[in-house]
């Protein structure tokens, strides 16, 4: 299967609470009409994250389908057109981004009730070949980060190589997604030696000239 990750910003002037309510109810019902959906998850940014200002995104939508052909077939139908029309009601469409990805489960484990889900938007190191970046992230960095004890589950979503064809530049080279028992547990992770080793390794494959954007979210399983 492949996974489409859509990074979403709400319409200017729309309250976060109204955006989240519409997305989870009205829009979710529209998306359910898409053919060939295997899974559909919304991850909403925690309200506490806005205390210091706007976030890079207000949430992400994850949709799983069998393959790229299934996604193409979906995009050509009336149900997809209905989804796009409804997005105008609550999404800042010019500032949304979408990447097609392949999931790699680095640390498998159940997601606890009430867990928080951290989503990092990953930029590879400048000049690094995509395939070398993906190998390093998965095979070298992944096991290092997996040693952070309080991480309950860790999934890397790598942008498909097709996203780079013909000189295209995807919005992100992937997303690193981790689950924790709580925000307090996530903060606790930063006190560990494993966390320090994880951060020390990042310049080997990531563009760390600026802080890597992230959002802390609550996950809502729709399908």
N, C-alpha and C. Protein backbone atom coordinates (compact mmCIF):
# COMPACT_ATOMS: atom_id res chain seq x y z
N UNK A 1 0.84 -1.20 0.00
CA UNK A 1 0.00 0.00 0.00
C UNK A 1 0.88 1.26 0.00
N UNK A 2 0.31 2.33 -0.48
CA UNK A 2 0.95 3.63 -0.36
C UNK A 2 0.06 4.54 0.47
N UNK A 3 0.67 5.58 1.00
CA UNK A 3 -0.07 6.52 1.86
C UNK A 3 0.11 7.93 1.35
N UNK A 4 -1.00 8.61 1.15
CA UNK A 4 -0.98 10.04 0.82
C UNK A 4 -1.11 10.82 2.12
N UNK A 5 -0.16 11.72 2.35
CA UNK A 5 -0.20 12.61 3.51
C UNK A 5 -0.50 14.01 3.01
N UNK A 6 -1.61 14.57 3.47
CA UNK A 6 -1.98 15.94 3.13
C UNK A 6 -1.77 16.82 4.35
N UNK A 7 -0.95 17.84 4.20
CA UNK A 7 -0.63 18.78 5.28
C UNK A 7 -1.58 19.97 5.13
N UNK A 8 -2.34 20.25 6.17
CA UNK A 8 -3.49 21.13 6.05
C UNK A 8 -3.36 22.38 6.91
N UNK A 9 -3.67 23.52 6.29
CA UNK A 9 -3.85 24.78 7.00
C UNK A 9 -5.30 25.22 6.88
N UNK A 10 -5.85 25.73 7.97
CA UNK A 10 -7.26 26.16 7.95
C UNK A 10 -7.40 27.48 7.20
N UNK A 11 -8.63 27.79 6.81
CA UNK A 11 -8.91 29.05 6.12
C UNK A 11 -8.55 30.23 7.01
N UNK A 12 -7.98 31.30 6.45
CA UNK A 12 -7.68 32.49 7.24
C UNK A 12 -8.93 33.00 7.97
N UNK A 13 -8.75 33.31 9.23
CA UNK A 13 -9.85 33.85 10.02
C UNK A 13 -10.73 32.80 10.67
N UNK A 14 -10.53 31.54 10.37
CA UNK A 14 -11.35 30.47 10.94
C UNK A 14 -10.76 30.03 12.27
N UNK A 15 -11.59 29.92 13.29
CA UNK A 15 -11.13 29.47 14.60
C UNK A 15 -10.67 28.01 14.52
N UNK A 16 -9.63 27.70 15.26
CA UNK A 16 -9.10 26.33 15.24
C UNK A 16 -10.18 25.33 15.62
N UNK A 17 -10.96 25.65 16.66
CA UNK A 17 -11.99 24.72 17.12
C UNK A 17 -13.04 24.46 16.03
N UNK A 18 -13.42 25.52 15.30
CA UNK A 18 -14.40 25.36 14.22
C UNK A 18 -13.81 24.54 13.07
N UNK A 19 -12.55 24.80 12.76
CA UNK A 19 -11.86 24.03 11.72
C UNK A 19 -11.83 22.55 12.07
N UNK A 20 -11.45 22.24 13.29
CA UNK A 20 -11.34 20.84 13.69
C UNK A 20 -12.70 20.14 13.69
N UNK A 21 -13.72 20.85 14.16
CA UNK A 21 -15.06 20.26 14.20
C UNK A 21 -15.57 19.96 12.79
N UNK A 22 -15.36 20.90 11.88
CA UNK A 22 -15.83 20.69 10.50
C UNK A 22 -15.07 19.55 9.83
N UNK A 23 -13.77 19.56 10.00
CA UNK A 23 -12.92 18.53 9.38
C UNK A 23 -13.32 17.14 9.86
N UNK A 24 -13.54 17.01 11.15
CA UNK A 24 -13.79 15.68 11.73
C UNK A 24 -15.20 15.17 11.43
N UNK A 25 -16.13 16.06 11.17
CA UNK A 25 -17.51 15.62 10.97
C UNK A 25 -17.94 15.79 9.52
N UNK A 26 -18.18 17.00 9.09
CA UNK A 26 -18.72 17.25 7.75
C UNK A 26 -17.78 16.73 6.66
N UNK A 27 -16.50 17.11 6.75
CA UNK A 27 -15.58 16.74 5.67
C UNK A 27 -15.28 15.24 5.69
N UNK A 28 -15.18 14.67 6.88
CA UNK A 28 -14.90 13.24 6.97
C UNK A 28 -15.96 12.43 6.23
N UNK A 29 -17.21 12.85 6.32
CA UNK A 29 -18.28 12.12 5.63
C UNK A 29 -18.12 12.21 4.11
N UNK A 30 -17.64 13.35 3.63
CA UNK A 30 -17.43 13.50 2.19
C UNK A 30 -16.29 12.58 1.74
N UNK A 31 -15.20 12.56 2.50
CA UNK A 31 -14.05 11.73 2.14
C UNK A 31 -14.42 10.25 2.14
N UNK A 32 -15.31 9.85 3.02
CA UNK A 32 -15.72 8.44 3.07
C UNK A 32 -16.33 7.96 1.75
N UNK A 33 -16.77 8.90 0.93
CA UNK A 33 -17.34 8.54 -0.36
C UNK A 33 -16.31 8.19 -1.42
N UNK A 34 -15.03 8.38 -1.15
CA UNK A 34 -13.99 8.06 -2.13
C UNK A 34 -13.88 6.55 -2.31
N UNK A 35 -13.70 6.10 -3.53
CA UNK A 35 -13.51 4.66 -3.77
C UNK A 35 -12.09 4.22 -3.42
N UNK A 36 -11.94 2.95 -3.12
CA UNK A 36 -10.63 2.30 -2.95
C UNK A 36 -9.89 2.71 -1.69
N UNK A 37 -10.55 3.39 -0.75
CA UNK A 37 -9.88 3.76 0.50
C UNK A 37 -9.66 2.53 1.37
N UNK A 38 -8.45 2.38 1.87
CA UNK A 38 -8.16 1.30 2.82
C UNK A 38 -8.17 1.80 4.26
N UNK A 39 -7.62 2.99 4.47
CA UNK A 39 -7.62 3.62 5.80
C UNK A 39 -7.68 5.13 5.60
N UNK A 40 -8.20 5.80 6.62
CA UNK A 40 -8.25 7.26 6.60
C UNK A 40 -8.14 7.74 8.04
N UNK A 41 -7.09 8.53 8.31
CA UNK A 41 -6.85 9.05 9.65
C UNK A 41 -6.62 10.55 9.58
N UNK A 42 -7.26 11.27 10.48
CA UNK A 42 -6.99 12.69 10.67
C UNK A 42 -6.18 12.87 11.95
N UNK A 43 -5.18 13.74 11.92
CA UNK A 43 -4.41 14.09 13.11
C UNK A 43 -4.51 15.59 13.31
N UNK A 44 -5.16 15.99 14.40
CA UNK A 44 -5.45 17.40 14.69
C UNK A 44 -4.42 17.95 15.67
N UNK A 45 -3.86 19.11 15.36
CA UNK A 45 -2.90 19.75 16.26
C UNK A 45 -3.54 20.03 17.62
N UNK A 46 -2.79 19.78 18.68
CA UNK A 46 -3.29 20.09 20.02
C UNK A 46 -3.50 21.59 20.17
N UNK A 47 -4.57 21.96 20.84
CA UNK A 47 -4.87 23.38 21.01
C UNK A 47 -3.77 24.09 21.78
N UNK A 48 -3.13 23.38 22.70
CA UNK A 48 -2.05 23.99 23.46
C UNK A 48 -0.88 24.41 22.60
N UNK A 49 -0.75 23.82 21.43
CA UNK A 49 0.34 24.16 20.54
C UNK A 49 0.28 25.56 19.98
N UNK A 50 -0.90 26.19 20.08
CA UNK A 50 -1.09 27.54 19.52
C UNK A 50 -0.77 28.65 20.52
N UNK A 51 -0.36 28.28 21.71
CA UNK A 51 -0.11 29.31 22.73
C UNK A 51 0.97 30.29 22.32
N UNK A 52 1.94 29.82 21.51
CA UNK A 52 3.03 30.69 21.09
C UNK A 52 2.85 31.20 19.66
N UNK A 53 1.67 30.95 19.07
CA UNK A 53 1.43 31.45 17.73
C UNK A 53 1.00 30.36 16.78
N UNK A 54 1.00 30.68 15.50
CA UNK A 54 0.54 29.74 14.49
C UNK A 54 1.52 28.57 14.34
N UNK A 55 0.99 27.45 13.89
CA UNK A 55 1.78 26.25 13.65
C UNK A 55 2.05 26.10 12.16
N UNK A 56 3.05 25.30 11.77
CA UNK A 56 3.30 25.11 10.34
C UNK A 56 2.10 24.54 9.60
N UNK A 57 1.37 23.64 10.27
CA UNK A 57 0.12 23.08 9.74
C UNK A 57 -0.83 22.88 10.91
N UNK A 58 -2.11 22.84 10.60
CA UNK A 58 -3.12 22.59 11.63
C UNK A 58 -3.41 21.10 11.78
N UNK A 59 -2.85 20.29 10.92
CA UNK A 59 -3.03 18.85 11.02
C UNK A 59 -2.63 18.17 9.73
N UNK A 60 -2.69 16.85 9.75
CA UNK A 60 -2.45 16.08 8.53
C UNK A 60 -3.58 15.07 8.35
N UNK A 61 -3.87 14.78 7.10
CA UNK A 61 -4.78 13.69 6.74
C UNK A 61 -3.94 12.59 6.09
N UNK A 62 -4.14 11.36 6.52
CA UNK A 62 -3.45 10.21 5.95
C UNK A 62 -4.48 9.29 5.30
N UNK A 63 -4.26 8.98 4.04
CA UNK A 63 -5.15 8.09 3.29
C UNK A 63 -4.31 6.97 2.68
N UNK A 64 -4.72 5.73 2.93
CA UNK A 64 -4.02 4.57 2.39
C UNK A 64 -4.81 3.99 1.22
N UNK A 65 -4.10 3.68 0.14
CA UNK A 65 -4.69 3.00 -1.03
C UNK A 65 -3.73 1.90 -1.47
N UNK A 66 -4.20 1.03 -2.35
CA UNK A 66 -3.37 -0.11 -2.75
C UNK A 66 -2.12 0.31 -3.52
N UNK A 67 -2.28 1.27 -4.44
CA UNK A 67 -1.15 1.66 -5.28
C UNK A 67 -1.46 3.00 -5.95
N UNK A 68 -0.50 3.47 -6.74
CA UNK A 68 -0.65 4.76 -7.41
C UNK A 68 -1.81 4.72 -8.40
N UNK A 69 -2.01 3.58 -9.06
CA UNK A 69 -3.12 3.48 -10.01
C UNK A 69 -4.46 3.68 -9.32
N UNK A 70 -4.61 3.13 -8.12
CA UNK A 70 -5.85 3.32 -7.36
C UNK A 70 -6.06 4.78 -7.02
N UNK A 71 -4.97 5.47 -6.72
CA UNK A 71 -5.06 6.90 -6.41
C UNK A 71 -5.44 7.70 -7.64
N UNK A 72 -4.87 7.34 -8.78
CA UNK A 72 -5.21 8.04 -10.02
C UNK A 72 -6.68 7.84 -10.37
N UNK A 73 -7.16 6.61 -10.20
CA UNK A 73 -8.57 6.32 -10.49
C UNK A 73 -9.48 7.13 -9.57
N UNK A 74 -9.07 7.25 -8.32
CA UNK A 74 -9.85 8.03 -7.36
C UNK A 74 -9.92 9.49 -7.77
N UNK A 75 -8.78 10.03 -8.21
CA UNK A 75 -8.72 11.46 -8.54
C UNK A 75 -9.53 11.81 -9.77
N UNK A 76 -9.90 10.82 -10.57
CA UNK A 76 -10.65 11.12 -11.78
C UNK A 76 -12.15 11.04 -11.63
N UNK A 77 -12.63 10.81 -10.42
CA UNK A 77 -14.06 10.58 -10.25
C UNK A 77 -14.81 11.71 -9.57
N UNK A 78 -16.13 11.65 -9.58
CA UNK A 78 -16.96 12.70 -8.97
C UNK A 78 -16.81 12.79 -7.47
N UNK A 79 -16.52 11.67 -6.80
CA UNK A 79 -16.35 11.72 -5.34
C UNK A 79 -15.15 12.58 -4.96
N UNK A 80 -14.09 12.51 -5.76
CA UNK A 80 -12.90 13.33 -5.50
C UNK A 80 -13.20 14.80 -5.73
N UNK A 81 -13.98 15.09 -6.77
CA UNK A 81 -14.38 16.47 -7.03
C UNK A 81 -15.20 17.02 -5.86
N UNK A 82 -16.03 16.18 -5.27
CA UNK A 82 -16.83 16.61 -4.11
C UNK A 82 -15.92 16.93 -2.93
N UNK A 83 -14.86 16.13 -2.74
CA UNK A 83 -13.91 16.40 -1.66
C UNK A 83 -13.24 17.75 -1.88
N UNK A 84 -12.80 18.00 -3.11
CA UNK A 84 -12.13 19.27 -3.40
C UNK A 84 -13.06 20.46 -3.19
N UNK A 85 -14.31 20.32 -3.60
CA UNK A 85 -15.26 21.42 -3.39
C UNK A 85 -15.45 21.69 -1.91
N UNK A 86 -15.54 20.63 -1.12
CA UNK A 86 -15.78 20.82 0.31
C UNK A 86 -14.56 21.40 1.01
N UNK A 87 -13.37 21.15 0.49
CA UNK A 87 -12.16 21.72 1.10
C UNK A 87 -12.21 23.24 1.13
N UNK A 88 -12.90 23.82 0.16
CA UNK A 88 -13.00 25.28 0.11
C UNK A 88 -13.68 25.85 1.35
N UNK A 89 -14.46 25.02 2.05
CA UNK A 89 -15.21 25.49 3.22
C UNK A 89 -14.35 25.67 4.46
N UNK A 90 -13.17 25.04 4.49
CA UNK A 90 -12.41 25.11 5.74
C UNK A 90 -10.89 25.06 5.57
N UNK A 91 -10.39 24.81 4.37
CA UNK A 91 -8.95 24.66 4.14
C UNK A 91 -8.41 25.83 3.32
N UNK A 92 -7.21 26.29 3.71
CA UNK A 92 -6.47 27.27 2.92
C UNK A 92 -5.74 26.50 1.83
N UNK A 93 -6.41 26.25 0.72
CA UNK A 93 -5.89 25.34 -0.29
C UNK A 93 -4.53 25.78 -0.87
N UNK A 94 -4.26 27.07 -1.09
CA UNK A 94 -2.94 27.44 -1.63
C UNK A 94 -1.78 27.06 -0.71
N UNK A 95 -2.06 26.88 0.57
CA UNK A 95 -0.99 26.57 1.53
C UNK A 95 -1.04 25.14 2.04
N UNK A 96 -1.79 24.28 1.37
CA UNK A 96 -1.75 22.87 1.74
C UNK A 96 -0.67 22.17 0.91
N UNK A 97 -0.22 21.03 1.39
CA UNK A 97 0.81 20.27 0.69
C UNK A 97 0.46 18.80 0.78
N UNK A 98 0.87 18.03 -0.24
CA UNK A 98 0.60 16.60 -0.25
C UNK A 98 1.82 15.84 -0.75
N UNK A 99 2.14 14.76 -0.06
CA UNK A 99 3.21 13.86 -0.52
C UNK A 99 2.67 12.43 -0.54
N UNK A 100 3.09 11.67 -1.53
CA UNK A 100 2.79 10.24 -1.59
C UNK A 100 3.96 9.50 -0.98
N UNK A 101 3.67 8.58 -0.07
CA UNK A 101 4.73 7.98 0.71
C UNK A 101 4.61 6.46 0.82
N UNK A 102 5.73 5.88 1.22
CA UNK A 102 5.78 4.47 1.61
C UNK A 102 6.13 4.41 3.09
N UNK A 103 5.35 3.66 3.86
CA UNK A 103 5.59 3.57 5.29
C UNK A 103 6.68 2.55 5.62
N UNK A 104 7.47 2.89 6.63
CA UNK A 104 8.44 1.95 7.20
C UNK A 104 8.26 1.97 8.72
N UNK A 105 7.84 0.85 9.28
CA UNK A 105 7.64 0.77 10.72
C UNK A 105 8.98 0.50 11.38
N UNK A 106 9.46 1.46 12.14
CA UNK A 106 10.77 1.36 12.77
C UNK A 106 10.64 0.77 14.18
N UNK A 107 9.64 1.17 14.90
CA UNK A 107 9.38 0.62 16.24
C UNK A 107 7.90 0.29 16.31
N UNK A 108 7.60 -0.99 16.35
CA UNK A 108 6.21 -1.43 16.36
C UNK A 108 5.70 -1.50 17.79
N UNK A 109 4.48 -1.11 17.97
CA UNK A 109 3.89 -1.18 19.30
C UNK A 109 2.49 -0.63 19.28
N UNK A 110 1.66 -1.02 20.24
CA UNK A 110 0.29 -0.51 20.30
C UNK A 110 0.26 0.97 20.65
N UNK A 111 -0.75 1.65 20.15
CA UNK A 111 -0.93 3.07 20.46
C UNK A 111 -1.81 3.17 21.70
N UNK A 112 -1.29 3.72 22.79
CA UNK A 112 -2.08 3.79 24.02
C UNK A 112 -3.28 4.72 23.89
N UNK A 113 -4.32 4.45 24.66
CA UNK A 113 -5.46 5.36 24.72
C UNK A 113 -4.97 6.73 25.19
N UNK A 114 -5.44 7.77 24.51
CA UNK A 114 -5.07 9.13 24.90
C UNK A 114 -3.67 9.54 24.47
N UNK A 115 -3.04 8.76 23.59
CA UNK A 115 -1.68 9.06 23.16
C UNK A 115 -1.63 10.36 22.36
N UNK A 116 -0.46 10.98 22.36
CA UNK A 116 -0.21 12.11 21.46
C UNK A 116 0.70 11.61 20.33
N UNK A 117 0.54 12.23 19.18
CA UNK A 117 1.24 11.81 17.96
C UNK A 117 2.04 13.00 17.45
N UNK A 118 3.36 12.84 17.43
CA UNK A 118 4.24 13.90 16.95
C UNK A 118 4.55 13.67 15.47
N UNK A 119 4.36 14.70 14.66
CA UNK A 119 4.60 14.61 13.22
C UNK A 119 5.67 15.62 12.86
N UNK A 120 6.82 15.12 12.38
CA UNK A 120 7.91 15.98 11.93
C UNK A 120 7.97 15.95 10.41
N UNK A 121 8.12 17.12 9.80
CA UNK A 121 8.17 17.27 8.35
C UNK A 121 9.64 17.33 7.94
N UNK A 122 10.09 16.31 7.24
CA UNK A 122 11.51 16.02 7.12
C UNK A 122 12.11 16.57 5.81
N UNK A 123 13.13 17.43 5.91
CA UNK A 123 13.88 17.89 4.74
C UNK A 123 15.25 17.20 4.69
N UNK A 124 15.58 16.54 3.59
CA UNK A 124 16.88 15.85 3.53
C UNK A 124 18.03 16.86 3.40
N UNK A 125 19.22 16.38 3.71
CA UNK A 125 20.41 17.21 3.66
C UNK A 125 20.65 17.71 2.23
N UNK A 126 20.98 18.97 2.10
CA UNK A 126 21.22 19.57 0.79
C UNK A 126 22.31 18.80 0.05
N UNK A 127 22.02 18.42 -1.19
CA UNK A 127 22.98 17.72 -2.02
C UNK A 127 22.98 16.22 -1.85
N UNK A 128 22.24 15.69 -0.89
CA UNK A 128 22.21 14.25 -0.65
C UNK A 128 21.23 13.59 -1.61
N UNK A 129 21.64 12.51 -2.27
CA UNK A 129 20.75 11.80 -3.17
C UNK A 129 19.58 11.22 -2.38
N UNK A 130 18.41 11.21 -3.02
CA UNK A 130 17.19 10.78 -2.33
C UNK A 130 17.32 9.35 -1.81
N UNK A 131 17.79 8.44 -2.63
CA UNK A 131 17.86 7.04 -2.20
C UNK A 131 18.87 6.85 -1.07
N UNK A 132 19.98 7.58 -1.10
CA UNK A 132 20.95 7.51 0.00
C UNK A 132 20.34 8.06 1.28
N UNK A 133 19.60 9.16 1.15
CA UNK A 133 18.89 9.74 2.30
C UNK A 133 17.92 8.74 2.90
N UNK A 134 17.12 8.11 2.05
CA UNK A 134 16.12 7.18 2.56
C UNK A 134 16.78 5.99 3.25
N UNK A 135 17.85 5.45 2.68
CA UNK A 135 18.54 4.32 3.30
C UNK A 135 19.10 4.70 4.66
N UNK A 136 19.73 5.88 4.73
CA UNK A 136 20.33 6.29 6.00
C UNK A 136 19.25 6.52 7.05
N UNK A 137 18.20 7.22 6.66
CA UNK A 137 17.11 7.51 7.60
C UNK A 137 16.52 6.21 8.15
N UNK A 138 16.25 5.27 7.28
CA UNK A 138 15.59 4.02 7.69
C UNK A 138 16.54 3.08 8.45
N UNK A 139 17.74 2.86 7.88
CA UNK A 139 18.60 1.78 8.37
C UNK A 139 19.60 2.20 9.43
N UNK A 140 19.98 3.48 9.45
CA UNK A 140 20.96 3.95 10.42
C UNK A 140 20.28 4.79 11.50
N UNK A 141 19.59 5.84 11.08
CA UNK A 141 18.99 6.74 12.06
C UNK A 141 17.80 6.10 12.77
N UNK A 142 16.99 5.37 12.02
CA UNK A 142 15.80 4.76 12.62
C UNK A 142 16.11 3.95 13.87
N UNK A 143 17.05 3.00 13.82
CA UNK A 143 17.37 2.22 15.02
C UNK A 143 17.90 3.07 16.18
N UNK A 144 18.59 4.17 15.86
CA UNK A 144 19.07 5.04 16.93
C UNK A 144 17.89 5.68 17.66
N UNK A 145 16.97 6.26 16.88
CA UNK A 145 15.81 6.93 17.49
C UNK A 145 14.90 5.93 18.20
N UNK A 146 14.83 4.71 17.71
CA UNK A 146 13.96 3.70 18.31
C UNK A 146 14.39 3.35 19.73
N UNK A 147 15.63 3.70 20.10
CA UNK A 147 16.11 3.42 21.45
C UNK A 147 15.54 4.38 22.49
N UNK A 148 14.87 5.44 22.04
CA UNK A 148 14.22 6.35 23.00
C UNK A 148 13.06 5.59 23.64
N UNK A 149 13.20 5.29 24.90
CA UNK A 149 12.33 4.32 25.55
C UNK A 149 10.87 4.73 25.56
N UNK A 150 10.59 6.02 25.73
CA UNK A 150 9.19 6.44 25.89
C UNK A 150 8.44 6.52 24.57
N UNK A 151 9.12 6.34 23.44
CA UNK A 151 8.41 6.26 22.16
C UNK A 151 7.66 4.94 22.12
N UNK A 152 6.35 5.02 21.92
CA UNK A 152 5.53 3.81 21.88
C UNK A 152 5.49 3.18 20.48
N UNK A 153 5.51 4.02 19.47
CA UNK A 153 5.48 3.55 18.09
C UNK A 153 6.20 4.60 17.24
N UNK A 154 6.89 4.14 16.19
CA UNK A 154 7.68 5.05 15.36
C UNK A 154 7.57 4.58 13.91
N UNK A 155 7.04 5.46 13.06
CA UNK A 155 6.85 5.16 11.64
C UNK A 155 7.52 6.26 10.82
N UNK A 156 8.31 5.85 9.84
CA UNK A 156 8.84 6.78 8.85
C UNK A 156 8.01 6.66 7.57
N UNK A 157 7.59 7.78 7.03
CA UNK A 157 6.87 7.80 5.76
C UNK A 157 7.77 8.50 4.74
N UNK A 158 8.31 7.72 3.80
CA UNK A 158 9.26 8.23 2.82
C UNK A 158 8.53 8.64 1.54
N UNK A 159 8.80 9.84 1.06
CA UNK A 159 8.20 10.29 -0.21
C UNK A 159 8.62 9.34 -1.34
N UNK A 160 7.65 8.92 -2.14
CA UNK A 160 7.93 8.01 -3.24
C UNK A 160 8.89 8.65 -4.24
N UNK A 161 9.74 7.83 -4.83
CA UNK A 161 10.74 8.35 -5.77
C UNK A 161 10.08 9.04 -6.96
N UNK A 162 8.88 8.60 -7.33
CA UNK A 162 8.17 9.24 -8.43
C UNK A 162 7.90 10.72 -8.19
N UNK A 163 7.88 11.13 -6.92
CA UNK A 163 7.66 12.54 -6.61
C UNK A 163 8.79 13.45 -7.01
N UNK A 164 9.94 12.84 -7.38
CA UNK A 164 11.12 13.62 -7.75
C UNK A 164 11.38 13.61 -9.26
N UNK A 165 10.54 12.92 -10.02
CA UNK A 165 10.78 12.80 -11.46
C UNK A 165 10.65 14.14 -12.16
N UNK A 166 11.37 14.26 -13.26
CA UNK A 166 11.32 15.45 -14.11
C UNK A 166 11.69 16.72 -13.35
N UNK A 167 12.58 16.57 -12.38
CA UNK A 167 13.07 17.74 -11.66
C UNK A 167 12.12 18.28 -10.61
N UNK A 168 11.07 17.53 -10.30
CA UNK A 168 10.10 18.02 -9.30
C UNK A 168 10.71 17.99 -7.90
N UNK A 169 10.25 18.87 -7.05
CA UNK A 169 10.70 18.95 -5.66
C UNK A 169 9.48 18.81 -4.76
N UNK A 170 9.33 17.67 -4.09
CA UNK A 170 8.18 17.51 -3.19
C UNK A 170 8.23 18.51 -2.03
N UNK A 171 7.07 18.74 -1.44
CA UNK A 171 7.02 19.66 -0.30
C UNK A 171 7.93 19.19 0.83
N UNK A 172 7.98 17.87 1.04
CA UNK A 172 8.82 17.28 2.08
C UNK A 172 9.39 15.96 1.58
N UNK A 173 10.51 15.56 2.14
CA UNK A 173 11.10 14.28 1.78
C UNK A 173 10.50 13.14 2.60
N UNK A 174 9.64 13.47 3.51
CA UNK A 174 8.94 12.46 4.29
C UNK A 174 8.43 13.04 5.59
N UNK A 175 7.82 12.17 6.37
CA UNK A 175 7.35 12.54 7.72
C UNK A 175 7.82 11.48 8.71
N UNK A 176 8.34 11.94 9.84
CA UNK A 176 8.66 11.05 10.96
C UNK A 176 7.52 11.17 11.96
N UNK A 177 6.91 10.03 12.27
CA UNK A 177 5.72 10.03 13.12
C UNK A 177 5.97 9.14 14.33
N UNK A 178 5.83 9.73 15.51
CA UNK A 178 6.05 9.00 16.76
C UNK A 178 4.88 9.21 17.70
N UNK A 179 4.59 8.19 18.49
CA UNK A 179 3.50 8.24 19.45
C UNK A 179 4.06 8.14 20.87
N UNK A 180 3.48 8.92 21.77
CA UNK A 180 3.87 8.95 23.18
C UNK A 180 2.62 8.86 24.05
N UNK A 181 2.82 8.46 25.30
CA UNK A 181 1.69 8.39 26.23
C UNK A 181 1.05 9.74 26.44
N UNK A 182 1.86 10.79 26.43
CA UNK A 182 1.37 12.13 26.74
C UNK A 182 2.42 13.15 26.30
N UNK A 183 2.03 14.43 26.36
CA UNK A 183 3.00 15.50 26.08
C UNK A 183 4.12 15.48 27.11
N UNK A 184 3.77 15.17 28.37
CA UNK A 184 4.79 15.11 29.41
C UNK A 184 5.81 14.01 29.11
N UNK A 185 5.34 12.87 28.60
CA UNK A 185 6.25 11.78 28.25
C UNK A 185 7.15 12.18 27.08
N UNK A 186 6.58 12.93 26.14
CA UNK A 186 7.37 13.40 25.01
C UNK A 186 8.48 14.34 25.49
N UNK A 187 8.15 15.23 26.40
CA UNK A 187 9.16 16.13 26.96
C UNK A 187 10.22 15.34 27.72
N UNK A 188 9.78 14.30 28.40
CA UNK A 188 10.70 13.46 29.17
C UNK A 188 11.75 12.82 28.25
N UNK A 189 11.35 12.51 27.02
CA UNK A 189 12.27 11.84 26.10
C UNK A 189 13.50 12.70 25.84
N UNK A 190 13.34 14.03 25.90
CA UNK A 190 14.45 14.93 25.60
C UNK A 190 15.53 14.91 26.68
N UNK A 191 15.25 14.23 27.80
CA UNK A 191 16.23 14.15 28.88
C UNK A 191 17.09 12.90 28.79
N UNK A 192 16.85 12.06 27.78
CA UNK A 192 17.53 10.78 27.71
C UNK A 192 18.78 10.83 26.85
N UNK A 193 19.70 9.91 27.11
CA UNK A 193 20.91 9.80 26.30
C UNK A 193 20.56 9.41 24.87
N UNK A 194 19.55 8.54 24.71
CA UNK A 194 19.14 8.11 23.38
C UNK A 194 18.64 9.29 22.55
N UNK A 195 17.95 10.22 23.19
CA UNK A 195 17.49 11.42 22.48
C UNK A 195 18.69 12.26 22.03
N UNK A 196 19.68 12.42 22.90
CA UNK A 196 20.88 13.18 22.53
C UNK A 196 21.57 12.55 21.32
N UNK A 197 21.68 11.23 21.32
CA UNK A 197 22.33 10.54 20.20
C UNK A 197 21.52 10.71 18.91
N UNK A 198 20.21 10.71 19.05
CA UNK A 198 19.32 10.91 17.89
C UNK A 198 19.56 12.28 17.28
N UNK A 199 19.59 13.30 18.12
CA UNK A 199 19.79 14.66 17.61
C UNK A 199 21.20 14.83 17.03
N UNK A 200 22.18 14.20 17.63
CA UNK A 200 23.55 14.32 17.13
C UNK A 200 23.68 13.69 15.74
N UNK A 201 22.87 12.70 15.44
CA UNK A 201 22.96 12.01 14.15
C UNK A 201 22.23 12.78 13.03
N UNK A 202 21.32 13.66 13.37
CA UNK A 202 20.48 14.30 12.35
C UNK A 202 21.26 15.05 11.27
N UNK A 203 22.34 15.77 11.58
CA UNK A 203 23.05 16.49 10.51
C UNK A 203 23.66 15.58 9.45
N UNK A 204 23.72 14.27 9.72
CA UNK A 204 24.26 13.35 8.73
C UNK A 204 23.34 13.12 7.54
N UNK A 205 22.05 13.47 7.70
CA UNK A 205 21.11 13.19 6.61
C UNK A 205 20.00 14.22 6.47
N UNK A 206 19.88 15.13 7.42
CA UNK A 206 18.82 16.14 7.39
C UNK A 206 19.39 17.53 7.16
N UNK A 207 18.56 18.39 6.58
CA UNK A 207 18.89 19.80 6.44
C UNK A 207 18.49 20.49 7.74
N UNK A 208 19.46 20.69 8.62
CA UNK A 208 19.18 21.20 9.96
C UNK A 208 19.59 22.67 10.13
N UNK A 209 19.73 23.39 9.01
CA UNK A 209 20.07 24.81 9.12
C UNK A 209 19.00 25.58 9.88
N UNK A 210 17.76 25.13 9.73
CA UNK A 210 16.66 25.70 10.50
C UNK A 210 15.98 24.58 11.27
N UNK A 211 15.23 24.95 12.29
CA UNK A 211 14.54 23.94 13.10
C UNK A 211 13.56 23.15 12.23
N UNK A 212 13.56 21.85 12.39
CA UNK A 212 12.66 21.00 11.62
C UNK A 212 11.23 21.23 12.11
N UNK A 213 10.30 21.58 11.21
CA UNK A 213 8.93 21.86 11.66
C UNK A 213 8.22 20.59 12.13
N UNK A 214 7.35 20.76 13.09
CA UNK A 214 6.60 19.62 13.63
C UNK A 214 5.28 20.11 14.22
N UNK A 215 4.37 19.18 14.40
CA UNK A 215 3.14 19.45 15.14
C UNK A 215 2.86 18.26 16.05
N UNK A 216 2.33 18.56 17.23
CA UNK A 216 1.91 17.51 18.16
C UNK A 216 0.39 17.40 18.04
N UNK A 217 -0.10 16.19 17.84
CA UNK A 217 -1.49 16.02 17.44
C UNK A 217 -2.21 14.94 18.25
N UNK A 218 -3.52 14.97 18.07
CA UNK A 218 -4.38 13.87 18.49
C UNK A 218 -4.89 13.17 17.24
N UNK A 219 -4.81 11.86 17.24
CA UNK A 219 -5.19 11.07 16.08
C UNK A 219 -6.67 10.67 16.15
N UNK A 220 -7.36 10.80 15.01
CA UNK A 220 -8.76 10.37 14.89
C UNK A 220 -8.86 9.40 13.73
N UNK A 221 -9.16 8.17 14.03
CA UNK A 221 -9.30 7.14 13.00
C UNK A 221 -10.71 7.22 12.41
N UNK A 222 -10.79 7.58 11.15
CA UNK A 222 -12.08 7.71 10.48
C UNK A 222 -12.47 6.39 9.80
N UNK A 223 -11.52 5.79 9.09
CA UNK A 223 -11.74 4.49 8.46
C UNK A 223 -10.56 3.60 8.83
